[in-house]
């Protein structure tokens, strides 16, 4: 099961819900990476073999973070008006539909009711 590195633009409750679902979770806010560059956060995720979970579209830049060169990046694209509860529910539902091979090394973009997977 994946280890997730939660970026600071993801609600704190998301980490709690992922832990309840059995995932291991690291939060950048708890490990001294708050406010650090995308490169530093990405490097930490790779060092710890973690899947990066963010809403930052900068991590979807496949020139900067090439698909196949990392443990997986998941980008959440939800309207700002969506409640944290609904976001967490939709994330967990999406994760339950994905296999490990759908995530590892790939860019996954999760939107309301949609999952886009970019393979190398």
Protein backbone atom coordinates (compact mmCIF):
# COMPACT_ATOMS: atom_id res chain seq x y z
CA UNK A 1 0.00 0.00 0.00
CA UNK A 2 1.28 3.46 -0.89
CA UNK A 3 2.94 5.95 1.41
CA UNK A 4 1.61 9.43 0.68
CA UNK A 5 3.36 12.75 1.09
CA UNK A 6 0.62 15.34 1.53
CA UNK A 7 1.42 18.82 0.22
CA UNK A 8 0.44 21.86 2.25
CA UNK A 9 -2.39 22.77 -0.12
CA UNK A 10 -4.31 19.62 0.85
CA UNK A 11 -6.57 19.78 3.92
CA UNK A 12 -5.11 18.30 7.11
CA UNK A 13 -8.20 16.13 7.47
CA UNK A 14 -7.19 14.31 4.28
CA UNK A 15 -4.19 12.80 6.06
CA UNK A 16 -6.43 11.62 8.90
CA UNK A 17 -8.87 9.99 6.48
CA UNK A 18 -6.08 8.28 4.56
CA UNK A 19 -4.61 6.94 7.82
CA UNK A 20 -8.04 5.63 8.84
CA UNK A 21 -8.21 3.86 5.46
CA UNK A 22 -4.90 2.12 6.20
CA UNK A 23 -2.44 4.28 4.28
CA UNK A 24 0.85 5.61 5.63
CA UNK A 25 0.95 9.40 5.43
CA UNK A 26 3.57 12.10 5.78
CA UNK A 27 2.46 15.75 5.80
CA UNK A 28 4.90 18.45 4.65
CA UNK A 29 3.62 20.68 7.47
CA UNK A 30 4.74 18.15 10.07
CA UNK A 31 8.20 17.35 8.69
CA UNK A 32 9.68 20.82 8.19
CA UNK A 33 8.82 21.25 4.52
CA UNK A 34 6.11 23.90 4.85
CA UNK A 35 6.85 26.70 2.40
CA UNK A 36 9.65 24.80 0.67
CA UNK A 37 10.07 24.65 -3.09
CA UNK A 38 8.40 22.06 -5.28
CA UNK A 39 11.84 20.60 -6.01
CA UNK A 40 12.56 20.08 -2.30
CA UNK A 41 9.16 18.48 -1.69
CA UNK A 42 9.55 16.27 -4.76
CA UNK A 43 13.04 15.18 -3.66
CA UNK A 44 11.75 14.28 -0.19
CA UNK A 45 8.94 12.20 -1.72
CA UNK A 46 11.43 10.30 -3.87
CA UNK A 47 13.86 9.74 -0.99
CA UNK A 48 11.04 8.23 1.09
CA UNK A 49 9.44 6.36 -1.82
CA UNK A 50 6.23 8.29 -1.28
CA UNK A 51 3.45 9.19 -3.69
CA UNK A 52 3.10 12.96 -3.75
CA UNK A 53 -0.48 14.17 -3.21
CA UNK A 54 -1.04 17.83 -4.09
CA UNK A 55 -3.38 20.35 -5.66
CA UNK A 56 -0.41 22.28 -7.08
CA UNK A 57 -0.53 22.06 -10.89
CA UNK A 58 3.21 22.71 -10.93
CA UNK A 59 3.65 19.04 -10.05
CA UNK A 60 1.69 18.12 -13.19
CA UNK A 61 4.44 19.63 -15.34
CA UNK A 62 5.76 16.51 -17.04
CA UNK A 63 8.82 18.33 -18.37
CA UNK A 64 9.90 19.26 -14.85
CA UNK A 65 8.67 16.04 -13.22
CA UNK A 66 8.73 13.44 -16.01
CA UNK A 67 6.25 10.59 -15.82
CA UNK A 68 8.13 7.41 -14.96
CA UNK A 69 10.84 9.24 -12.99
CA UNK A 70 9.08 9.22 -9.63
CA UNK A 71 7.00 7.12 -7.25
CA UNK A 72 3.78 8.73 -8.42
CA UNK A 73 2.14 12.13 -8.31
CA UNK A 74 -1.56 12.58 -7.64
CA UNK A 75 -3.06 15.99 -8.34
CA UNK A 76 -6.47 16.82 -6.88
CA UNK A 77 -8.50 19.23 -9.04
CA UNK A 78 -11.64 20.13 -7.13
CA UNK A 79 -13.60 23.39 -6.98
CA UNK A 80 -12.71 25.61 -4.03
CA UNK A 81 -16.35 25.49 -2.95
CA UNK A 82 -16.32 21.73 -2.39
CA UNK A 83 -16.40 20.71 1.26
CA UNK A 84 -13.40 18.98 2.75
CA UNK A 85 -15.62 16.03 3.64
CA UNK A 86 -16.71 15.56 0.02
CA UNK A 87 -13.14 16.00 -1.25
CA UNK A 88 -11.90 13.31 1.15
CA UNK A 89 -14.74 10.95 0.22
CA UNK A 90 -14.07 11.37 -3.50
CA UNK A 91 -10.33 10.89 -3.02
CA UNK A 92 -10.83 7.66 -1.07
CA UNK A 93 -13.32 6.41 -3.66
CA UNK A 94 -10.86 7.18 -6.46
CA UNK A 95 -7.99 5.48 -4.63
CA UNK A 96 -10.13 2.38 -4.16
CA UNK A 97 -10.58 2.22 -7.95
CA UNK A 98 -6.85 2.53 -8.67
CA UNK A 99 -4.30 -0.28 -8.62
CA UNK A 100 -0.74 0.28 -7.43
CA UNK A 101 0.48 0.13 -11.03
CA UNK A 102 -1.95 2.95 -11.91
CA UNK A 103 -0.15 5.20 -9.41
CA UNK A 104 3.53 4.24 -9.20
CA UNK A 105 5.58 6.23 -11.71
CA UNK A 106 2.50 7.88 -13.17
CA UNK A 107 0.80 11.24 -13.00
CA UNK A 108 -2.77 10.83 -11.78
CA UNK A 109 -5.22 13.72 -11.88
CA UNK A 110 -8.38 13.25 -9.86
CA UNK A 111 -11.35 15.49 -10.56
CA UNK A 112 -14.96 15.16 -9.43
CA UNK A 113 -16.10 11.89 -11.01
CA UNK A 114 -12.98 11.51 -13.20
CA UNK A 115 -9.52 9.96 -12.98
CA UNK A 116 -6.88 10.72 -15.62
CA UNK A 117 -3.73 8.57 -15.63
CA UNK A 118 -0.64 9.61 -17.57
CA UNK A 119 1.81 6.75 -18.16
CA UNK A 120 5.43 6.96 -19.32
